[in-house]
């Protein structure tokens, strides 16, 4: 794949509340450790099936806990009736790739076995929850996340679209409206003032905003005393690997908002790119389509590339965080940025074929053999330390394991996700992760 070249350079408005380097490190670490992300999965009933019958079967398989503080077997809070059919409330948990993918596989496979349907009335909402945070969150972090989402809104809407064809790439905007969101700017007013404006808006009901902040609470200084955000715009999704990757997309955006808060507030309003974004949002997200869909029939290949470019630009902007997280989410999102679920469904692929297509883009981790485990044990337990030089350490390990030094080097290179590093003071290799 050719390297994507962004067409904009981010600029910042310095503010007195800009984070110091130490503060940014602290809040990034705090939010990474404490934030939980939950979802609302909506889907339509199979044809000819009564809601009460299906709900009982689903509850029997998914075992909802009925308690937000009890994950239960599959992390399901409840299964409820929704305007589109049925909604499954998934309790927020700290994102981990393997755990999330396993969880959503176990949730969605029984649904597919029931022949449930994904229609334009179905959405997928992501809730970012800062439960048990040690302290209040600086307002500039939310302001930067708000502006980042505004800047990349067309790409986000495109990347999370899941309609069945090019003429209806996504659901209608009624339940994830962007008009107020794109208009209101933290460059002009505080986030608390923006929340007040949204509460009073006659244009968009507060809870139906593209990026919903109705659950946030602010203290007298304007910082966040309750941290609860909702991204409402993704379409309904029955691909476990896609849902898992999108979970990390929103976590990554939050962590990037902390990172850039060292520089001030990300400036958006005066960018020519942002002006064109407003029109791109109106084109892809409207109430003009049939059967609760958005009318996207005017999006030709030239316009389509603009959405792809915006989505790729977002992933480029988030690159430093993806490197820290070190999981396959970026690889999946790169594919969705070019060919979202909507275009895959337009090709006639069913949900299993879509899952297989996305999984093919994930590079599997090489399997570890007994020598790998012995080498890892040497490093983690400090079995060979106080050695003057790295070369001497490699030679000692090679003798210990009865392997050539060249093979020891190759095996260490295979542990990139753990960042093996020579530590002079210890006289040994260590893992930084």
Protein backbone atom coordinates (compact mmCIF):
# COMPACT_ATOMS: atom_id res chain seq x y z
CA UNK A 1 0.00 0.00 0.00
CA UNK A 2 1.36 3.44 -0.93
CA UNK A 3 2.04 5.82 1.94
CA UNK A 4 -0.78 8.31 2.44
CA UNK A 5 0.27 11.96 2.25
CA UNK A 6 -1.95 14.34 4.28
CA UNK A 7 -3.01 17.61 2.68
CA UNK A 8 -3.12 19.71 5.83
CA UNK A 9 -0.80 20.84 8.60
CA UNK A 10 -2.40 21.05 12.06
CA UNK A 11 -2.27 24.45 13.75
CA UNK A 12 -3.03 25.29 17.36
CA UNK A 13 -4.36 28.20 19.39
CA UNK A 14 -2.33 28.47 22.57
CA UNK A 15 -4.41 28.73 25.74
CA UNK A 16 -3.38 29.28 29.36
CA UNK A 17 -4.83 25.87 30.23
CA UNK A 18 -2.67 24.04 27.69
CA UNK A 19 -1.19 20.96 29.31
CA UNK A 20 2.42 20.71 30.35
CA UNK A 21 4.39 17.73 29.08
CA UNK A 22 4.09 16.10 32.52
CA UNK A 23 0.33 16.77 32.72
CA UNK A 24 -0.22 15.32 29.25
CA UNK A 25 1.65 12.15 30.19
CA UNK A 26 -0.33 11.85 33.40
CA UNK A 27 -3.79 12.32 31.87
CA UNK A 28 -3.01 10.10 28.91
CA UNK A 29 -1.94 7.34 31.26
CA UNK A 30 -4.93 7.95 33.56
CA UNK A 31 -7.49 7.83 30.76
CA UNK A 32 -5.87 4.81 29.10
CA UNK A 33 -6.03 2.89 32.36
CA UNK A 34 -9.43 4.08 33.60
CA UNK A 35 -11.61 4.63 30.54
CA UNK A 36 -14.13 1.96 29.64
CA UNK A 37 -15.96 1.73 26.32
CA UNK A 38 -19.40 0.16 25.98
CA UNK A 39 -21.78 -0.14 23.05
CA UNK A 40 -25.43 -0.23 22.12
CA UNK A 41 -25.93 -2.85 19.39
CA UNK A 42 -29.16 -2.43 17.43
CA UNK A 43 -30.56 -4.88 14.91
CA UNK A 44 -33.82 -5.74 13.18
CA UNK A 45 -35.89 -8.87 13.73
CA UNK A 46 -35.81 -11.76 11.28
CA UNK A 47 -38.82 -11.77 8.99
CA UNK A 48 -41.85 -13.46 10.56
CA UNK A 49 -40.35 -13.69 14.05
CA UNK A 50 -42.08 -12.17 17.09
CA UNK A 51 -40.02 -9.88 19.31
CA UNK A 52 -40.94 -11.71 22.53
CA UNK A 53 -39.85 -15.09 21.14
CA UNK A 54 -36.49 -13.83 19.87
CA UNK A 55 -35.74 -11.86 23.03
CA UNK A 56 -36.13 -14.97 25.19
CA UNK A 57 -33.78 -16.97 22.97
CA UNK A 58 -31.20 -14.19 22.90
CA UNK A 59 -31.31 -13.71 26.66
CA UNK A 60 -30.81 -17.44 27.13
CA UNK A 61 -27.61 -17.30 25.06
CA UNK A 62 -26.21 -13.93 26.15
CA UNK A 63 -27.04 -14.05 29.89
CA UNK A 64 -27.55 -10.31 30.59
CA UNK A 65 -26.46 -9.42 34.12
CA UNK A 66 -29.01 -6.64 34.71
CA UNK A 67 -26.32 -4.83 36.70
CA UNK A 68 -23.87 -2.33 35.22
CA UNK A 69 -21.35 -3.31 37.89
CA UNK A 70 -21.52 -7.01 37.05
CA UNK A 71 -20.09 -8.00 33.65
CA UNK A 72 -21.63 -11.45 33.75
CA UNK A 73 -20.56 -14.09 31.24
CA UNK A 74 -20.49 -11.87 28.13
CA UNK A 75 -20.56 -8.33 29.49
CA UNK A 76 -24.23 -7.77 28.58
CA UNK A 77 -26.32 -5.48 30.75
CA UNK A 78 -29.71 -5.97 29.07
CA UNK A 79 -31.61 -6.96 25.92
CA UNK A 80 -34.41 -4.48 25.24
CA UNK A 81 -37.02 -3.63 22.64
CA UNK A 82 -35.98 -0.78 20.32
CA UNK A 83 -37.65 1.07 17.44
CA UNK A 84 -35.50 -0.90 14.98
CA UNK A 85 -36.16 -4.25 16.66
CA UNK A 86 -33.84 -5.23 19.51
CA UNK A 87 -31.00 -3.46 21.26
CA UNK A 88 -28.23 -5.14 23.24
CA UNK A 89 -26.55 -2.99 25.89
CA UNK A 90 -22.89 -3.97 26.30
CA UNK A 91 -21.28 -2.89 29.56
CA UNK A 92 -18.20 -0.71 29.23
CA UNK A 93 -14.84 -2.39 29.75
CA UNK A 94 -11.22 -1.46 29.30
CA UNK A 95 -10.36 -2.13 25.64
CA UNK A 96 -8.06 -5.07 25.00
CA UNK A 97 -7.94 -6.45 21.46
CA UNK A 98 -8.12 -10.19 22.15
CA UNK A 99 -10.68 -9.87 24.96
CA UNK A 100 -12.97 -7.56 22.96
CA UNK A 101 -12.79 -9.64 19.79
CA UNK A 102 -13.64 -12.80 21.73
CA UNK A 103 -16.51 -11.03 23.48
CA UNK A 104 -18.11 -9.66 20.30
CA UNK A 105 -17.66 -12.96 18.50
CA UNK A 106 -19.59 -14.69 21.27
CA UNK A 107 -22.29 -11.99 21.15
CA UNK A 108 -22.75 -11.73 17.39
CA UNK A 109 -22.41 -15.34 16.18
CA UNK A 110 -25.64 -16.42 17.95
CA UNK A 111 -27.40 -13.39 16.42
CA UNK A 112 -26.32 -14.37 12.92
CA UNK A 113 -27.55 -17.91 13.61
CA UNK A 114 -30.97 -16.36 14.30
CA UNK A 115 -30.90 -14.66 10.87
CA UNK A 116 -31.22 -11.21 12.40
CA UNK A 117 -31.07 -8.32 9.94
CA UNK A 118 -29.18 -5.04 9.76
CA UNK A 119 -31.45 -2.30 8.39
CA UNK A 120 -31.05 1.49 8.01
CA UNK A 121 -32.97 1.97 11.27
CA UNK A 122 -30.12 0.29 13.20
CA UNK A 123 -27.25 2.14 14.80
CA UNK A 124 -24.17 1.34 16.85
CA UNK A 125 -23.43 3.78 19.67
CA UNK A 126 -20.10 3.89 21.52
CA UNK A 127 -20.03 5.19 25.11
CA UNK A 128 -16.69 6.35 26.51
CA UNK A 129 -16.90 6.22 30.30
CA UNK A 130 -14.39 7.65 32.76
CA UNK A 131 -15.50 5.68 35.78
CA UNK A 132 -13.53 6.02 38.99
CA UNK A 133 -11.21 8.75 37.72
CA UNK A 134 -8.86 10.11 40.35
CA UNK A 135 -9.59 13.73 39.47
CA UNK A 136 -11.38 16.09 37.12
CA UNK A 137 -10.38 16.16 33.45
CA UNK A 138 -9.10 19.42 31.91
CA UNK A 139 -11.64 21.00 29.57
CA UNK A 140 -9.06 21.46 26.80
CA UNK A 141 -8.94 17.67 26.29
CA UNK A 142 -12.66 17.54 25.49
CA UNK A 143 -12.34 20.69 23.35
CA UNK A 144 -9.60 19.06 21.29
CA UNK A 145 -11.57 15.83 20.92
CA UNK A 146 -14.57 17.89 19.78
CA UNK A 147 -12.55 19.79 17.16
CA UNK A 148 -10.73 16.66 16.01
CA UNK A 149 -14.08 14.95 15.45
CA UNK A 150 -15.37 17.99 13.55
CA UNK A 151 -12.26 18.07 11.36
CA UNK A 152 -12.57 14.40 10.42
CA UNK A 153 -16.36 14.04 10.57
CA UNK A 154 -16.79 13.11 6.86
CA UNK A 155 -14.16 10.39 7.10
CA UNK A 156 -15.60 9.10 10.37
CA UNK A 157 -19.11 8.95 8.93
CA UNK A 158 -17.84 7.20 5.80
CA UNK A 159 -15.57 4.76 7.66
CA UNK A 160 -18.43 3.68 9.96
CA UNK A 161 -21.10 3.50 7.25
CA UNK A 162 -22.85 0.17 6.78
CA UNK A 163 -25.66 0.68 4.28
CA UNK A 164 -26.40 -1.88 1.59
CA UNK A 165 -25.52 0.14 -1.54
CA UNK A 166 -23.87 3.25 -2.98
CA UNK A 167 -27.19 5.09 -3.10
CA UNK A 168 -27.70 4.55 0.65
CA UNK A 169 -24.27 4.34 2.24
CA UNK A 170 -25.51 5.08 5.75
CA UNK A 171 -28.57 5.59 7.91
CA UNK A 172 -30.41 8.91 7.94
CA UNK A 173 -29.01 11.70 10.08
CA UNK A 174 -32.10 12.09 12.25
CA UNK A 175 -30.56 10.14 15.14
CA UNK A 176 -26.95 11.31 14.70
CA UNK A 177 -27.39 14.85 13.40
CA UNK A 178 -24.30 16.95 12.69
CA UNK A 179 -25.73 20.43 12.05
CA UNK A 180 -25.18 21.87 15.53
CA UNK A 181 -22.05 19.82 16.11
CA UNK A 182 -20.31 21.21 13.03
CA UNK A 183 -21.42 24.76 13.84
CA UNK A 184 -20.47 25.05 17.52
CA UNK A 185 -16.80 25.76 18.16
CA UNK A 186 -14.62 25.66 21.30
CA UNK A 187 -12.59 28.38 19.59
CA UNK A 188 -15.54 30.67 20.30
CA UNK A 189 -17.00 29.37 23.57
CA UNK A 190 -16.33 26.89 26.37
CA UNK A 191 -17.45 23.28 26.21
CA UNK A 192 -19.87 23.95 29.07
CA UNK A 193 -21.44 26.74 26.99
CA UNK A 194 -21.62 24.43 23.98
CA UNK A 195 -23.42 21.84 26.11
CA UNK A 196 -25.93 24.50 27.24
CA UNK A 197 -26.53 25.53 23.62
CA UNK A 198 -27.16 21.90 22.66
CA UNK A 199 -29.64 21.48 25.53
CA UNK A 200 -31.67 24.44 24.26
CA UNK A 201 -31.36 23.69 20.54
CA UNK A 202 -34.56 23.52 18.51
CA UNK A 203 -32.60 22.17 15.52
CA UNK A 204 -31.27 18.91 16.99
CA UNK A 205 -32.54 17.16 20.14
CA UNK A 206 -29.64 17.07 22.57
CA UNK A 207 -29.30 13.27 22.76
CA UNK A 208 -29.32 12.89 18.95
CA UNK A 209 -26.12 14.81 18.28
CA UNK A 210 -23.36 13.28 16.14
CA UNK A 211 -21.06 13.59 19.19
CA UNK A 212 -23.23 13.59 22.29
CA UNK A 213 -21.95 15.31 25.46
CA UNK A 214 -25.24 15.52 27.37
CA UNK A 215 -23.96 13.21 30.14
CA UNK A 216 -20.82 15.28 30.85
CA UNK A 217 -20.77 17.34 34.04
CA UNK A 218 -18.61 20.44 34.44
CA UNK A 219 -17.30 22.02 37.63
CA UNK A 220 -17.24 25.77 38.32
CA UNK A 221 -13.89 26.12 36.53
CA UNK A 222 -15.23 24.39 33.42
CA UNK A 223 -13.32 21.13 33.81
CA UNK A 224 -15.07 17.75 33.60
CA UNK A 225 -16.27 16.31 36.91
CA UNK A 226 -18.18 13.51 35.13
CA UNK A 227 -16.70 11.97 32.01
CA UNK A 228 -19.25 10.26 29.75
CA UNK A 229 -19.13 10.74 25.96
CA UNK A 230 -21.20 9.11 23.24
CA UNK A 231 -20.35 8.72 19.56
CA UNK A 232 -23.73 8.14 17.94
CA UNK A 233 -22.90 8.21 14.23
CA UNK A 234 -21.68 4.65 13.46
CA UNK A 235 -24.18 2.47 11.61
CA UNK A 236 -25.29 -0.92 12.87
CA UNK A 237 -22.56 -3.52 12.54
CA UNK A 238 -22.46 -7.31 12.71
CA UNK A 239 -18.73 -7.78 12.20
CA UNK A 240 -16.89 -8.48 15.49
CA UNK A 241 -13.49 -7.42 14.14
CA UNK A 242 -14.98 -4.18 12.80
CA UNK A 243 -16.63 -3.32 16.14
CA UNK A 244 -13.42 -4.11 18.00
CA UNK A 245 -11.34 -1.91 15.67
CA UNK A 246 -13.82 0.97 16.01
CA UNK A 247 -13.61 0.71 19.79
CA UNK A 248 -9.89 1.37 19.51
CA UNK A 249 -10.51 4.17 17.03
CA UNK A 250 -12.42 6.13 19.66
CA UNK A 251 -9.94 5.30 22.42
CA UNK A 252 -7.11 6.44 20.15
CA UNK A 253 -8.89 9.71 19.36
CA UNK A 254 -9.30 10.41 23.07
CA UNK A 255 -5.64 9.71 23.82
CA UNK A 256 -4.59 11.87 20.86
CA UNK A 257 -6.73 14.71 22.21
CA UNK A 258 -4.66 14.55 25.40
CA UNK A 259 -1.40 14.43 23.43
CA UNK A 260 -2.13 17.54 21.35
CA UNK A 261 -3.38 19.50 24.36
CA UNK A 262 0.30 20.29 25.06
CA UNK A 263 0.23 22.57 22.03
CA UNK A 264 -3.09 24.30 22.72
CA UNK A 265 -6.47 23.99 21.00
CA UNK A 266 -6.56 22.37 17.56
CA UNK A 267 -7.73 25.07 15.15
CA UNK A 268 -10.45 24.02 12.75
CA UNK A 269 -12.80 26.87 11.96
CA UNK A 270 -10.58 28.80 9.56
CA UNK A 271 -9.34 25.82 7.55
CA UNK A 272 -10.56 25.58 3.96
CA UNK A 273 -10.66 21.84 4.56
CA UNK A 274 -13.26 22.36 7.29
CA UNK A 275 -15.47 24.45 5.03
CA UNK A 276 -15.57 21.67 2.47
CA UNK A 277 -16.19 19.17 5.27
CA UNK A 278 -19.50 20.82 6.09
CA UNK A 279 -20.73 20.20 2.56
CA UNK A 280 -19.37 16.67 2.55
CA UNK A 281 -21.34 15.98 5.73
CA UNK A 282 -24.56 17.29 4.20
CA UNK A 283 -24.05 15.06 1.16
CA UNK A 284 -23.40 11.83 3.02
CA UNK A 285 -25.70 12.41 6.00
CA UNK A 286 -29.26 13.56 5.30
CA UNK A 287 -32.88 12.48 5.72
CA UNK A 288 -33.66 12.20 2.01
CA UNK A 289 -33.18 8.49 1.43
CA UNK A 290 -35.74 5.70 1.36
CA UNK A 291 -36.52 3.42 4.29
CA UNK A 292 -34.68 5.48 6.93
CA UNK A 293 -31.46 5.71 4.90
CA UNK A 294 -29.47 8.72 3.77
CA UNK A 295 -29.57 9.56 0.06
CA UNK A 296 -25.97 9.23 -1.12
CA UNK A 297 -26.73 8.83 -4.81
CA UNK A 298 -24.76 11.99 -5.69
CA UNK A 299 -21.50 10.55 -4.32
CA UNK A 300 -19.55 9.65 -7.44
CA UNK A 301 -16.01 8.26 -7.49
CA UNK A 302 -14.49 11.76 -7.26
CA UNK A 303 -16.49 12.59 -4.14
CA UNK A 304 -15.89 9.13 -2.74
CA UNK A 305 -12.15 9.76 -2.79
CA UNK A 306 -12.65 12.89 -0.65
CA UNK A 307 -14.26 10.79 2.06
CA UNK A 308 -11.50 8.20 1.77
CA UNK A 309 -8.82 10.90 1.98
CA UNK A 310 -10.40 12.44 5.08
CA UNK A 311 -10.59 9.05 6.78
CA UNK A 312 -6.98 8.25 5.89
CA UNK A 313 -5.90 11.67 7.10
CA UNK A 314 -7.48 10.90 10.49
CA UNK A 315 -5.57 7.63 10.76
CA UNK A 316 -2.35 9.44 9.82
CA UNK A 317 -3.07 12.00 12.56
CA UNK A 318 -3.56 9.19 15.10
CA UNK A 319 -0.46 7.22 14.09
CA UNK A 320 1.59 7.97 17.21
CA UNK A 321 -1.13 6.49 19.44
CA UNK A 322 -1.62 3.38 17.30
CA UNK A 323 2.11 2.71 17.69
CA UNK A 324 1.72 2.85 21.48
CA UNK A 325 -1.30 0.54 21.53
CA UNK A 326 0.35 -2.00 19.24
CA UNK A 327 -2.64 -4.06 18.13
CA UNK A 328 -4.24 -4.81 14.72
CA UNK A 329 -6.91 -2.10 14.95
CA UNK A 330 -5.03 0.28 12.64
CA UNK A 331 -4.77 -2.37 9.92
CA UNK A 332 -8.52 -3.00 10.03
CA UNK A 333 -9.33 0.72 10.10
CA UNK A 334 -7.07 1.36 7.11
CA UNK A 335 -9.25 -1.03 5.13
CA UNK A 336 -12.48 0.50 6.41
CA UNK A 337 -11.17 3.96 5.48
CA UNK A 338 -11.01 2.82 1.84
CA UNK A 339 -13.76 0.20 1.77
CA UNK A 340 -16.20 0.53 4.68
CA UNK A 341 -18.87 -2.05 5.45
CA UNK A 342 -21.28 -0.18 3.16
CA UNK A 343 -19.10 -0.75 0.08
CA UNK A 344 -18.47 -4.36 1.08
CA UNK A 345 -22.22 -4.91 1.38
CA UNK A 346 -22.69 -3.15 -1.96
CA UNK A 347 -20.45 -5.87 -3.42
CA UNK A 348 -22.98 -8.43 -2.20
CA UNK A 349 -20.91 -9.76 0.70
CA UNK A 350 -22.78 -11.15 3.71
CA UNK A 351 -21.59 -10.55 7.28
CA UNK A 352 -19.43 -13.67 7.45
CA UNK A 353 -17.73 -12.77 4.17
CA UNK A 354 -17.15 -9.24 5.49
CA UNK A 355 -15.59 -10.62 8.66
CA UNK A 356 -13.33 -12.91 6.64
CA UNK A 357 -12.31 -10.01 4.39
CA UNK A 358 -11.27 -7.80 7.32
CA UNK A 359 -9.50 -10.59 9.18
CA UNK A 360 -7.34 -11.26 6.11
CA UNK A 361 -5.71 -7.87 6.58
CA UNK A 362 -4.48 -8.71 10.08
CA UNK A 363 -0.94 -9.99 10.21
CA UNK A 364 -0.89 -12.91 12.65
CA UNK A 365 1.69 -12.85 15.41
CA UNK A 366 4.35 -15.55 14.94
CA UNK A 367 3.83 -18.53 17.23
CA UNK A 368 6.25 -18.85 20.16
CA UNK A 369 8.17 -22.08 20.66
CA UNK A 370 9.92 -23.41 23.77
CA UNK A 371 13.11 -21.46 22.99
CA UNK A 372 11.10 -18.23 22.85
CA UNK A 373 9.63 -18.94 26.26
CA UNK A 374 13.08 -19.67 27.66
CA UNK A 375 14.49 -16.46 26.18
CA UNK A 376 11.57 -14.44 27.53
CA UNK A 377 12.09 -16.06 30.94
CA UNK A 378 15.77 -15.06 30.93
CA UNK A 379 14.82 -11.42 30.30
CA UNK A 380 11.80 -11.18 32.60
CA UNK A 381 13.40 -12.98 35.55
CA UNK A 382 16.81 -11.35 35.14
CA UNK A 383 18.62 -14.68 34.92
CA UNK A 384 21.59 -13.15 33.07
CA UNK A 385 22.46 -9.67 34.40
CA UNK A 386 25.50 -7.55 35.27
CA UNK A 387 27.09 -8.24 31.88
CA UNK A 388 29.28 -5.41 30.53
CA UNK A 389 28.12 -5.25 26.92
CA UNK A 390 25.14 -6.28 24.84
CA UNK A 391 27.28 -8.52 22.63
CA UNK A 392 28.56 -10.39 25.67
CA UNK A 393 24.99 -10.80 26.91
CA UNK A 394 23.88 -12.20 23.55
CA UNK A 395 26.79 -14.64 23.65
CA UNK A 396 25.85 -15.74 27.19
CA UNK A 397 22.21 -16.28 26.16
CA UNK A 398 23.30 -18.24 23.08
CA UNK A 399 25.39 -20.55 25.23
CA UNK A 400 22.61 -20.88 27.81
CA UNK A 401 20.05 -21.90 25.16
CA UNK A 402 22.52 -23.74 22.89
CA UNK A 403 21.49 -21.56 19.92
CA UNK A 404 23.53 -19.40 17.50
CA UNK A 405 23.80 -15.69 18.37
CA UNK A 406 22.21 -14.87 14.98
CA UNK A 407 19.07 -16.76 16.00
CA UNK A 408 18.92 -14.97 19.35
CA UNK A 409 18.96 -11.63 17.49
CA UNK A 410 16.17 -12.79 15.16
CA UNK A 411 14.02 -13.92 18.05
CA UNK A 412 14.46 -10.58 19.84
CA UNK A 413 13.37 -8.78 16.65
CA UNK A 414 10.19 -10.86 16.76
CA UNK A 415 9.29 -9.34 20.14
CA UNK A 416 8.86 -5.80 18.74
CA UNK A 417 5.52 -5.44 20.50
CA UNK A 418 7.41 -5.61 23.81
CA UNK A 419 10.29 -3.30 22.81
CA UNK A 420 13.34 -5.30 24.01
CA UNK A 421 16.04 -2.77 24.95
CA UNK A 422 19.58 -3.00 26.30
CA UNK A 423 19.83 -1.57 29.81
CA UNK A 424 23.39 -0.58 30.79
CA UNK A 425 22.70 -0.22 34.51
CA UNK A 426 21.24 -3.74 34.71
CA UNK A 427 23.65 -5.28 32.25
CA UNK A 428 20.85 -7.08 30.48
CA UNK A 429 18.09 -6.75 27.92
CA UNK A 430 14.72 -5.62 29.35
CA UNK A 431 11.20 -5.36 28.00
CA UNK A 432 9.78 -1.82 27.99
CA UNK A 433 6.24 -3.17 27.59
